[in-house]
N, C-alpha and C. Protein backbone atom coordinates (compact mmCIF):
# COMPACT_ATOMS: atom_id res chain seq x y z
N MET A 1 49.65 61.86 41.32
CA MET A 1 49.33 63.49 41.10
C MET A 1 50.26 63.36 39.22
N ALA A 2 50.65 62.04 39.24
CA ALA A 2 51.45 61.51 37.38
C ALA A 2 50.27 61.12 36.55
N ASP A 3 49.21 60.25 37.36
CA ASP A 3 48.09 59.99 36.65
C ASP A 3 46.72 60.74 36.56
N TYR A 4 47.14 62.07 37.35
CA TYR A 4 45.51 63.45 36.88
C TYR A 4 46.67 63.86 35.57
N THR A 5 47.96 64.10 35.69
CA THR A 5 48.35 65.12 34.77
C THR A 5 48.30 63.80 33.43
N THR A 6 48.32 62.75 33.10
CA THR A 6 48.34 61.89 31.88
C THR A 6 47.06 61.82 31.65
N TYR A 7 45.47 62.21 32.68
CA TYR A 7 44.60 62.12 32.60
C TYR A 7 44.09 62.92 31.86
N ALA A 8 44.77 64.26 32.25
CA ALA A 8 44.08 65.79 32.18
C ALA A 8 44.70 65.89 30.67
N ALA A 9 46.02 65.30 30.26
CA ALA A 9 46.36 65.68 28.59
C ALA A 9 45.69 64.83 28.02
N THR A 10 45.05 63.47 28.23
CA THR A 10 44.85 62.76 27.01
C THR A 10 43.01 63.46 26.74
N MET A 11 42.56 64.43 28.10
CA MET A 11 41.34 65.21 27.86
C MET A 11 41.13 66.00 27.25
N SER A 12 42.50 66.72 27.42
CA SER A 12 43.25 68.01 26.06
C SER A 12 42.74 67.50 24.83
N GLU A 13 43.56 66.11 24.46
CA GLU A 13 43.60 65.96 23.47
C GLU A 13 42.44 65.73 22.84
N ALA A 14 41.74 64.92 23.11
CA ALA A 14 40.43 65.11 23.15
C ALA A 14 39.98 65.62 22.77
N ALA A 15 39.75 66.66 23.54
CA ALA A 15 38.94 68.38 23.20
C ALA A 15 39.52 68.72 22.27
N GLN A 16 40.87 68.46 21.75
CA GLN A 16 41.17 69.28 20.51
C GLN A 16 40.79 68.85 19.41
N ALA A 17 40.79 67.13 19.44
CA ALA A 17 40.10 66.48 18.50
C ALA A 17 39.34 66.59 18.28
N GLY A 18 38.01 66.90 18.75
CA GLY A 18 36.55 67.28 19.23
C GLY A 18 36.15 68.85 18.11
N GLU A 19 37.29 69.74 18.44
CA GLU A 19 37.02 71.01 17.72
C GLU A 19 37.50 70.83 16.85
N ARG A 20 39.08 69.80 15.99
CA ARG A 20 39.24 69.70 15.14
C ARG A 20 38.05 69.36 13.84
N PHE A 21 37.65 67.82 14.80
CA PHE A 21 36.44 67.68 13.39
C PHE A 21 35.54 68.09 13.16
N SER A 22 35.11 68.76 14.67
CA SER A 22 33.62 70.22 14.21
C SER A 22 33.85 70.73 13.67
N ALA A 23 35.19 71.12 13.51
CA ALA A 23 35.27 72.36 12.43
C ALA A 23 35.83 71.88 10.79
N LEU A 24 35.84 70.99 10.76
CA LEU A 24 36.03 69.87 9.56
C LEU A 24 35.13 69.62 8.93
N LEU A 25 34.27 69.46 9.98
CA LEU A 25 33.00 68.94 9.40
C LEU A 25 31.92 69.89 8.83
N GLN A 26 32.13 70.88 9.92
CA GLN A 26 31.53 72.30 9.11
C GLN A 26 31.54 72.77 8.07
N GLN A 27 33.19 73.09 8.13
CA GLN A 27 33.54 73.18 6.44
C GLN A 27 33.55 72.35 5.24
N HIS A 28 33.43 71.38 5.61
CA HIS A 28 32.73 70.45 3.92
C HIS A 28 31.08 69.81 4.04
N ARG A 29 30.62 70.02 5.23
CA ARG A 29 28.90 69.09 5.57
C ARG A 29 28.33 69.75 4.35
N ARG A 30 28.89 70.34 3.11
CA ARG A 30 28.10 69.93 2.16
C ARG A 30 27.81 68.85 1.42
N ILE A 31 29.24 68.14 1.65
CA ILE A 31 29.82 66.77 1.15
C ILE A 31 28.55 65.77 1.64
N VAL A 32 28.36 65.69 2.72
CA VAL A 32 27.23 64.91 3.57
C VAL A 32 25.90 65.25 3.58
N PHE A 33 25.46 65.86 2.69
CA PHE A 33 24.12 66.58 1.99
C PHE A 33 23.93 66.73 1.12
N LYS A 34 25.30 66.45 0.28
CA LYS A 34 25.23 65.77 -1.15
C LYS A 34 24.75 64.34 -1.64
N VAL A 35 25.20 64.22 -0.25
CA VAL A 35 25.75 62.39 -0.67
C VAL A 35 24.25 61.74 0.27
N ALA A 36 23.71 62.23 1.07
CA ALA A 36 22.47 62.07 1.39
C ALA A 36 21.22 62.31 0.38
N ASN A 37 21.53 63.17 -0.06
CA ASN A 37 20.28 63.93 -1.18
C ASN A 37 20.60 63.04 -2.02
N THR A 38 21.62 62.67 -2.44
CA THR A 38 21.63 61.17 -4.14
C THR A 38 21.35 60.13 -3.27
N TYR A 39 21.16 59.79 -2.00
CA TYR A 39 20.83 58.51 -1.28
C TYR A 39 19.51 58.27 -0.98
N SER A 40 18.57 59.41 -0.65
CA SER A 40 17.42 59.39 0.25
C SER A 40 16.74 60.35 -0.54
N TRP A 41 15.74 59.95 -0.91
CA TRP A 41 14.63 60.60 -1.19
C TRP A 41 13.57 61.39 -0.57
N HIS A 42 13.19 60.39 0.96
CA HIS A 42 12.75 60.96 2.19
C HIS A 42 12.98 62.07 3.17
N PRO A 43 12.52 62.93 3.44
CA PRO A 43 12.97 63.62 4.67
C PRO A 43 13.61 62.88 5.16
N GLU A 44 12.83 61.78 5.89
CA GLU A 44 13.22 61.52 7.26
C GLU A 44 13.96 60.44 7.23
N ASP A 45 14.16 59.67 6.11
CA ASP A 45 15.76 59.35 5.44
C ASP A 45 16.98 60.15 5.87
N ARG A 46 16.65 60.77 4.56
CA ARG A 46 17.89 62.06 4.58
C ARG A 46 18.29 62.23 5.82
N ALA A 47 17.67 62.95 6.44
CA ALA A 47 18.12 63.17 8.16
C ALA A 47 18.63 61.97 9.11
N ASP A 48 17.73 60.75 9.18
CA ASP A 48 18.96 59.40 9.45
C ASP A 48 20.06 58.97 9.03
N LEU A 49 20.11 59.31 7.22
CA LEU A 49 21.56 58.88 7.02
C LEU A 49 22.17 60.03 7.27
N THR A 50 21.76 61.60 7.09
CA THR A 50 23.12 62.42 7.52
C THR A 50 23.93 62.38 8.92
N GLN A 51 22.89 62.05 10.17
CA GLN A 51 23.33 61.33 11.12
C GLN A 51 23.95 60.27 10.92
N GLU A 52 23.99 59.06 10.42
CA GLU A 52 24.98 58.30 10.57
C GLU A 52 26.20 58.39 9.32
N ILE A 53 26.51 59.59 8.72
CA ILE A 53 27.07 59.64 8.06
C ILE A 53 27.91 60.48 8.90
N ALA A 54 27.32 61.63 10.01
CA ALA A 54 28.27 62.43 10.85
C ALA A 54 29.02 61.40 11.92
N ALA A 55 27.89 60.60 12.06
CA ALA A 55 28.39 59.70 13.56
C ALA A 55 29.89 58.45 12.90
N GLN A 56 29.33 58.34 11.94
CA GLN A 56 30.67 57.48 10.99
C GLN A 56 31.84 58.29 10.77
N LEU A 57 31.72 59.10 10.24
CA LEU A 57 33.46 59.83 10.07
C LEU A 57 33.18 60.36 11.82
N TRP A 58 32.61 60.14 12.65
CA TRP A 58 33.44 60.81 14.07
C TRP A 58 33.91 59.58 14.20
N ARG A 59 33.69 57.91 14.46
CA ARG A 59 33.95 57.44 14.87
C ARG A 59 35.39 57.58 14.08
N ALA A 60 35.49 57.12 12.74
CA ALA A 60 36.61 56.98 12.16
C ALA A 60 37.76 57.95 11.60
N PHE A 61 37.32 58.99 12.45
CA PHE A 61 38.43 60.40 13.01
C PHE A 61 39.36 60.24 12.84
N PRO A 62 39.78 59.21 14.11
CA PRO A 62 41.38 58.77 14.48
C PRO A 62 41.86 58.14 13.76
N SER A 63 41.66 57.73 12.45
CA SER A 63 42.38 56.74 11.64
C SER A 63 42.64 57.90 10.21
N TYR A 64 42.16 59.20 10.15
CA TYR A 64 41.78 60.11 9.09
C TYR A 64 43.38 60.54 9.17
N ASP A 65 44.04 60.98 7.86
CA ASP A 65 44.99 61.24 7.73
C ASP A 65 45.52 62.77 7.63
N PRO A 66 45.90 63.33 8.26
CA PRO A 66 46.05 65.13 7.93
C PRO A 66 46.45 64.89 6.79
N ASP A 67 47.65 64.52 6.23
CA ASP A 67 48.26 64.67 5.10
C ASP A 67 47.64 64.55 4.05
N ARG A 68 46.47 64.02 3.78
CA ARG A 68 45.50 63.85 2.69
C ARG A 68 44.20 64.50 2.76
N PRO A 69 44.07 65.19 1.77
CA PRO A 69 42.67 65.58 1.97
C PRO A 69 41.71 65.23 2.72
N PHE A 70 40.78 66.01 3.65
CA PHE A 70 39.74 65.67 3.83
C PHE A 70 38.47 65.41 3.81
N SER A 71 38.31 66.04 2.05
CA SER A 71 37.53 65.93 1.81
C SER A 71 37.48 64.96 0.89
N THR A 72 37.96 63.84 0.68
CA THR A 72 38.41 63.00 -0.12
C THR A 72 37.91 61.91 0.86
N TRP A 73 38.98 61.75 1.88
CA TRP A 73 38.40 60.86 3.16
C TRP A 73 37.04 60.90 3.61
N MET A 74 36.51 61.78 3.69
CA MET A 74 34.99 62.36 3.47
C MET A 74 33.66 61.56 3.07
N TYR A 75 34.82 61.82 1.66
CA TYR A 75 33.77 61.56 0.70
C TYR A 75 33.42 59.77 0.71
N ARG A 76 34.63 59.41 0.96
CA ARG A 76 34.95 57.65 0.68
C ARG A 76 33.77 56.65 1.92
N ILE A 77 34.05 57.64 3.27
CA ILE A 77 33.25 57.19 4.52
C ILE A 77 31.81 57.86 3.93
N ALA A 78 31.16 58.89 3.28
CA ALA A 78 30.17 59.25 3.50
C ALA A 78 29.35 58.10 2.44
N LEU A 79 29.70 57.77 1.65
CA LEU A 79 29.67 57.26 0.23
C LEU A 79 28.99 55.65 0.83
N ASN A 80 30.38 55.33 1.70
CA ASN A 80 30.31 53.59 1.85
C ASN A 80 29.36 53.63 2.88
N VAL A 81 28.69 54.62 3.79
CA VAL A 81 27.75 54.55 4.96
C VAL A 81 26.46 54.58 3.94
N ALA A 82 26.39 55.91 2.78
CA ALA A 82 25.31 55.47 2.09
C ALA A 82 25.05 54.70 1.77
N ILE A 83 25.88 53.92 1.10
CA ILE A 83 25.71 52.41 0.33
C ILE A 83 24.62 51.33 1.18
N SER A 84 26.04 51.01 2.35
CA SER A 84 25.52 50.64 3.12
C SER A 84 24.13 51.07 3.65
N PHE A 85 23.66 52.03 4.41
CA PHE A 85 22.17 52.24 4.39
C PHE A 85 21.00 51.84 3.51
N VAL A 86 21.43 52.33 1.62
CA VAL A 86 20.25 51.98 0.97
C VAL A 86 20.11 50.27 0.98
N ARG A 87 21.47 49.48 1.08
CA ARG A 87 20.90 48.08 1.25
C ARG A 87 20.29 47.97 1.94
N GLY A 88 20.93 48.20 3.69
CA GLY A 88 19.53 48.17 4.83
C GLY A 88 18.42 48.57 4.65
N GLN A 89 17.81 49.54 3.77
CA GLN A 89 17.22 49.94 3.38
C GLN A 89 15.65 48.94 2.83
N ARG A 90 16.91 48.41 1.79
CA ARG A 90 15.93 47.23 0.78
C ARG A 90 15.84 46.02 1.74
N VAL A 91 16.56 45.69 2.56
CA VAL A 91 16.21 44.66 3.47
C VAL A 91 15.00 45.14 4.08
N ARG A 92 15.34 45.65 4.77
CA ARG A 92 13.98 46.03 5.76
C ARG A 92 12.31 46.32 4.79
N GLU A 93 12.92 46.57 3.67
CA GLU A 93 11.48 47.20 2.53
C GLU A 93 10.90 45.86 2.22
N ARG A 94 11.62 44.49 1.67
CA ARG A 94 11.34 43.44 1.49
C ARG A 94 10.76 42.47 2.76
N HIS A 95 11.31 42.83 4.24
CA HIS A 95 10.28 42.38 5.50
C HIS A 95 9.32 43.64 5.77
N THR A 96 9.21 44.31 5.09
CA THR A 96 7.91 44.90 6.21
C THR A 96 6.20 44.47 5.47
N VAL A 97 5.45 44.56 6.28
CA VAL A 97 3.95 44.55 5.18
C VAL A 97 3.31 45.65 6.22
N PRO A 98 2.22 46.24 4.79
CA PRO A 98 1.82 47.24 5.27
C PRO A 98 0.51 47.25 6.65
N LEU A 99 -0.45 47.55 7.39
CA LEU A 99 -0.55 46.77 8.42
C LEU A 99 -2.03 46.97 7.67
N GLU A 100 -2.14 48.50 7.46
CA GLU A 100 -3.57 48.40 6.12
C GLU A 100 -3.85 48.37 5.14
N GLU A 101 -3.76 47.75 4.31
CA GLU A 101 -3.17 47.76 2.75
C GLU A 101 -3.75 49.30 1.51
N GLY A 102 -5.30 49.27 2.21
CA GLY A 102 -5.39 50.37 1.60
C GLY A 102 -5.48 51.99 2.21
N ARG A 103 -5.32 51.81 3.67
CA ARG A 103 -4.06 53.53 3.75
C ARG A 103 -2.95 53.40 2.74
N HIS A 104 -1.86 52.30 3.18
CA HIS A 104 -0.86 52.09 2.13
C HIS A 104 -1.12 52.62 1.10
N ASP A 105 -1.67 52.94 0.13
CA ASP A 105 -1.92 53.72 -1.25
C ASP A 105 -2.01 54.63 -1.26
N ALA A 106 -2.73 55.63 -0.03
CA ALA A 106 -3.04 56.81 0.26
C ALA A 106 -1.64 57.88 0.64
N VAL A 107 -0.71 56.77 0.63
CA VAL A 107 0.41 57.75 0.81
C VAL A 107 1.12 58.26 0.11
N ALA A 108 1.27 59.71 0.09
CA ALA A 108 1.92 60.62 -0.98
C ALA A 108 3.17 60.19 -1.22
N PRO A 109 3.51 60.06 -2.42
CA PRO A 109 5.40 59.61 -2.44
C PRO A 109 6.14 60.94 -2.55
N PRO A 110 7.28 61.08 -2.02
CA PRO A 110 8.01 61.90 -1.97
C PRO A 110 7.99 63.40 -2.95
N HIS A 111 8.29 64.36 -2.20
CA HIS A 111 7.83 65.53 -3.18
C HIS A 111 9.66 65.58 -4.59
N ARG A 112 9.42 65.88 -5.67
CA ARG A 112 10.45 66.25 -6.16
C ARG A 112 9.70 67.49 -6.95
N ASP A 113 11.31 68.16 -7.40
CA ASP A 113 10.81 68.89 -8.04
C ASP A 113 10.95 68.82 -9.42
N ASP A 114 9.85 68.39 -9.87
CA ASP A 114 9.98 67.28 -11.66
C ASP A 114 9.48 67.82 -12.78
N SER A 115 8.37 68.88 -12.21
CA SER A 115 7.98 69.64 -13.70
C SER A 115 8.16 69.40 -14.93
N ASP A 116 9.78 69.79 -15.01
CA ASP A 116 9.92 69.20 -16.23
C ASP A 116 10.27 68.13 -17.06
N GLU A 117 9.71 67.50 -17.58
CA GLU A 117 9.87 66.20 -18.22
C GLU A 117 11.21 65.61 -18.41
N ARG A 118 11.79 66.69 -18.93
CA ARG A 118 13.35 65.79 -18.62
C ARG A 118 13.79 65.23 -17.05
N VAL A 119 13.80 66.31 -16.39
CA VAL A 119 13.97 66.38 -15.28
C VAL A 119 13.84 65.00 -14.26
N ARG A 120 12.27 64.85 -15.01
CA ARG A 120 11.45 63.55 -14.58
C ARG A 120 12.26 62.38 -15.18
N MET A 121 12.76 62.58 -16.39
CA MET A 121 13.72 61.43 -17.04
C MET A 121 14.42 60.90 -16.05
N LEU A 122 15.41 62.06 -15.85
CA LEU A 122 17.13 61.87 -15.24
C LEU A 122 16.57 61.49 -13.85
N TYR A 123 15.57 61.89 -13.47
CA TYR A 123 15.32 60.93 -11.69
C TYR A 123 15.32 59.16 -12.00
N GLY A 124 14.56 59.13 -13.02
CA GLY A 124 14.42 57.97 -12.93
C GLY A 124 15.40 56.99 -13.82
N VAL A 125 16.17 58.13 -14.59
CA VAL A 125 17.75 57.29 -14.71
C VAL A 125 18.33 56.76 -13.60
N ILE A 126 18.70 58.17 -12.70
CA ILE A 126 19.46 58.30 -11.44
C ILE A 126 18.79 56.76 -10.87
N ASP A 127 17.83 57.25 -10.44
CA ASP A 127 17.17 55.66 -9.73
C ASP A 127 17.68 54.50 -10.20
N ARG A 128 17.44 54.52 -10.94
CA ARG A 128 17.57 52.87 -11.86
C ARG A 128 19.34 52.52 -11.57
N LEU A 129 19.92 53.16 -11.27
CA LEU A 129 21.78 53.16 -10.70
C LEU A 129 21.85 52.53 -9.68
N ASP A 130 22.73 51.60 -10.13
CA ASP A 130 23.24 50.66 -9.19
C ASP A 130 24.29 52.20 -8.26
N SER A 131 25.02 51.20 -6.77
CA SER A 131 25.00 52.28 -5.89
C SER A 131 26.63 52.75 -6.63
N LEU A 132 27.83 51.84 -7.13
CA LEU A 132 28.76 52.61 -7.93
C LEU A 132 28.73 53.84 -8.59
N ASN A 133 27.97 53.60 -9.92
CA ASN A 133 26.89 54.44 -10.36
C ASN A 133 26.72 55.58 -9.93
N ARG A 134 25.92 55.18 -9.02
CA ARG A 134 25.25 56.55 -8.80
C ARG A 134 26.37 57.72 -8.15
N ALA A 135 27.29 56.84 -7.50
CA ALA A 135 28.15 57.67 -6.69
C ALA A 135 29.67 58.24 -7.40
N LEU A 136 29.97 57.69 -8.96
CA LEU A 136 30.53 57.97 -9.68
C LEU A 136 29.88 59.55 -10.51
N LEU A 137 28.39 59.34 -10.84
CA LEU A 137 28.10 60.24 -11.01
C LEU A 137 27.79 61.53 -10.26
N LEU A 138 28.02 61.37 -8.60
CA LEU A 138 28.01 62.04 -7.55
C LEU A 138 28.91 63.41 -7.76
N LEU A 139 30.62 62.65 -7.91
CA LEU A 139 31.72 63.12 -7.48
C LEU A 139 31.80 63.78 -9.20
N TYR A 140 31.18 63.55 -10.40
CA TYR A 140 31.79 63.77 -11.66
C TYR A 140 30.84 65.41 -11.63
N LEU A 141 29.80 65.08 -11.31
CA LEU A 141 28.78 66.66 -10.90
C LEU A 141 29.42 67.51 -10.26
N ASP A 142 30.08 66.68 -9.41
CA ASP A 142 30.73 68.03 -8.15
C ASP A 142 32.10 68.14 -8.19
N GLU A 143 32.75 67.68 -9.87
CA GLU A 143 33.79 68.36 -10.30
C GLU A 143 35.20 68.07 -10.09
N HIS A 144 34.97 66.59 -9.30
CA HIS A 144 36.37 66.07 -8.92
C HIS A 144 37.13 65.44 -9.93
N THR A 145 38.06 65.32 -9.74
CA THR A 145 39.26 64.79 -11.36
C THR A 145 39.15 63.38 -10.90
N TYR A 146 39.57 62.56 -11.86
CA TYR A 146 39.73 61.24 -12.42
C TYR A 146 40.18 60.67 -11.09
N ARG A 147 41.15 61.68 -10.50
CA ARG A 147 42.26 60.91 -9.75
C ARG A 147 41.55 60.91 -8.21
N GLU A 148 40.92 62.04 -8.15
CA GLU A 148 40.40 62.68 -6.83
C GLU A 148 39.01 61.38 -6.46
N MET A 149 38.19 60.63 -7.92
CA MET A 149 37.04 59.82 -7.86
C MET A 149 37.47 57.95 -7.68
N ALA A 150 38.76 57.84 -8.16
CA ALA A 150 39.51 57.00 -8.09
C ALA A 150 39.45 56.81 -6.37
N GLU A 151 40.66 57.31 -5.99
CA GLU A 151 41.38 57.53 -4.33
C GLU A 151 39.83 57.40 -3.56
N ILE A 152 38.30 57.92 -3.26
CA ILE A 152 37.21 57.58 -3.48
C ILE A 152 36.70 56.97 -3.20
N LEU A 153 36.42 56.33 -4.57
CA LEU A 153 35.82 55.05 -5.00
C LEU A 153 36.97 53.79 -4.76
N GLY A 154 37.93 53.95 -4.81
CA GLY A 154 38.91 52.83 -4.51
C GLY A 154 39.16 52.21 -5.93
N ILE A 155 39.13 52.36 -6.95
CA ILE A 155 39.47 51.94 -8.36
C ILE A 155 40.44 52.94 -9.51
N SER A 156 40.84 52.49 -9.52
CA SER A 156 41.79 53.38 -10.81
C SER A 156 41.21 54.30 -11.99
N GLU A 157 42.37 55.11 -11.92
CA GLU A 157 41.94 56.23 -12.65
C GLU A 157 41.45 55.87 -14.45
N SER A 158 41.79 54.91 -14.51
CA SER A 158 41.16 54.57 -16.01
C SER A 158 40.22 53.99 -16.02
N ASN A 159 39.39 53.29 -14.73
CA ASN A 159 38.36 52.33 -14.08
C ASN A 159 37.64 53.63 -13.85
N VAL A 160 38.07 54.52 -13.36
CA VAL A 160 36.93 55.63 -13.71
C VAL A 160 36.57 55.99 -15.11
N ALA A 161 37.61 56.66 -16.13
CA ALA A 161 37.29 57.20 -17.20
C ALA A 161 36.07 56.36 -17.81
N THR A 162 36.47 55.05 -17.92
CA THR A 162 35.93 54.02 -18.30
C THR A 162 34.74 53.78 -17.86
N LYS A 163 34.52 53.93 -16.55
CA LYS A 163 32.73 53.56 -16.74
C LYS A 163 32.26 55.17 -16.42
N LEU A 164 32.92 55.92 -16.77
CA LEU A 164 32.38 57.61 -16.93
C LEU A 164 31.76 57.54 -18.45
N ASN A 165 32.68 57.42 -19.17
CA ASN A 165 32.50 57.33 -20.75
C ASN A 165 31.03 56.32 -20.75
N ARG A 166 31.02 54.81 -20.15
CA ARG A 166 29.29 54.24 -20.08
C ARG A 166 28.60 54.90 -19.46
N LEU A 167 28.51 55.31 -18.30
CA LEU A 167 27.82 56.19 -17.33
C LEU A 167 26.85 57.04 -18.29
N LYS A 168 27.82 57.95 -19.32
CA LYS A 168 27.41 58.87 -19.64
C LYS A 168 26.80 58.62 -21.28
N ALA A 169 26.92 57.18 -21.82
CA ALA A 169 26.39 56.65 -22.98
C ALA A 169 25.16 56.27 -22.28
N ARG A 170 25.05 55.98 -20.94
CA ARG A 170 23.75 55.10 -21.00
C ARG A 170 23.07 56.06 -20.77
N ILE A 171 23.09 57.41 -19.98
CA ILE A 171 22.36 58.60 -19.82
C ILE A 171 21.48 59.02 -20.88
N ARG A 172 22.88 59.30 -21.79
CA ARG A 172 22.38 59.79 -22.82
C ARG A 172 20.92 59.02 -23.71
N ARG A 173 21.61 57.61 -23.92
CA ARG A 173 20.83 56.65 -24.59
C ARG A 173 19.42 56.01 -23.89
N ASP A 174 19.55 56.57 -21.98
CA ASP A 174 18.40 56.56 -21.88
C ASP A 174 17.37 57.33 -21.91
N MET A 175 17.77 58.78 -21.76
CA MET A 175 17.06 59.99 -22.03
C MET A 175 16.60 59.62 -23.88
N THR A 176 17.31 59.82 -24.28
CA THR A 176 16.68 59.43 -25.56
C THR A 176 16.37 58.56 -26.02
N GLY A 177 16.39 57.31 -26.08
CA GLY A 177 15.60 56.13 -26.23
C GLY A 177 13.93 56.48 -25.60
N ALA A 178 13.56 56.96 -24.50
CA ALA A 178 12.43 57.29 -23.87
C ALA A 178 11.59 58.40 -24.32
N ASN A 179 12.18 59.55 -25.53
CA ASN A 179 11.41 60.34 -26.27
C ASN A 179 10.94 59.91 -27.39
N GLN A 180 11.51 58.62 -27.86
CA GLN A 180 11.15 57.92 -29.12
C GLN A 180 10.12 57.03 -28.98
């Protein structure tokens, strides 16, 4: 009987953890969507990345420290998954050969609402950013504090400030340089 009681208690704890995770994921789901939208332009890739982030969050949930903000922990995992996803995608693209070259050219590029020239230029600047700067920009635009950004990215606050200043200068330079 003791084995059944232990088993039942374990199952009850697992169910409670699942419910807690589900509630937290639902509460902070915008983070997953923001990261997926930032790191993938194709709807299919975005859906895959969203699922991969959710799966990795679930796998890592037992290591979550409830004394720390869930959103910070979630951002860190989501960004790491997204960066790995992009790296894996680049490797797959290098090793992919189209079956029919003529049909490959006919595929439409991903849809973006870039009717405004400045928006189109900004997308171009973002596309050229490395993973760390893209993550930093996402967190900055999401109005995180330097402390939160540092914790999520695993760098110091002073490094966050330096990188943000350089990133802003680069974006200004790229946006104004393209107009001249």
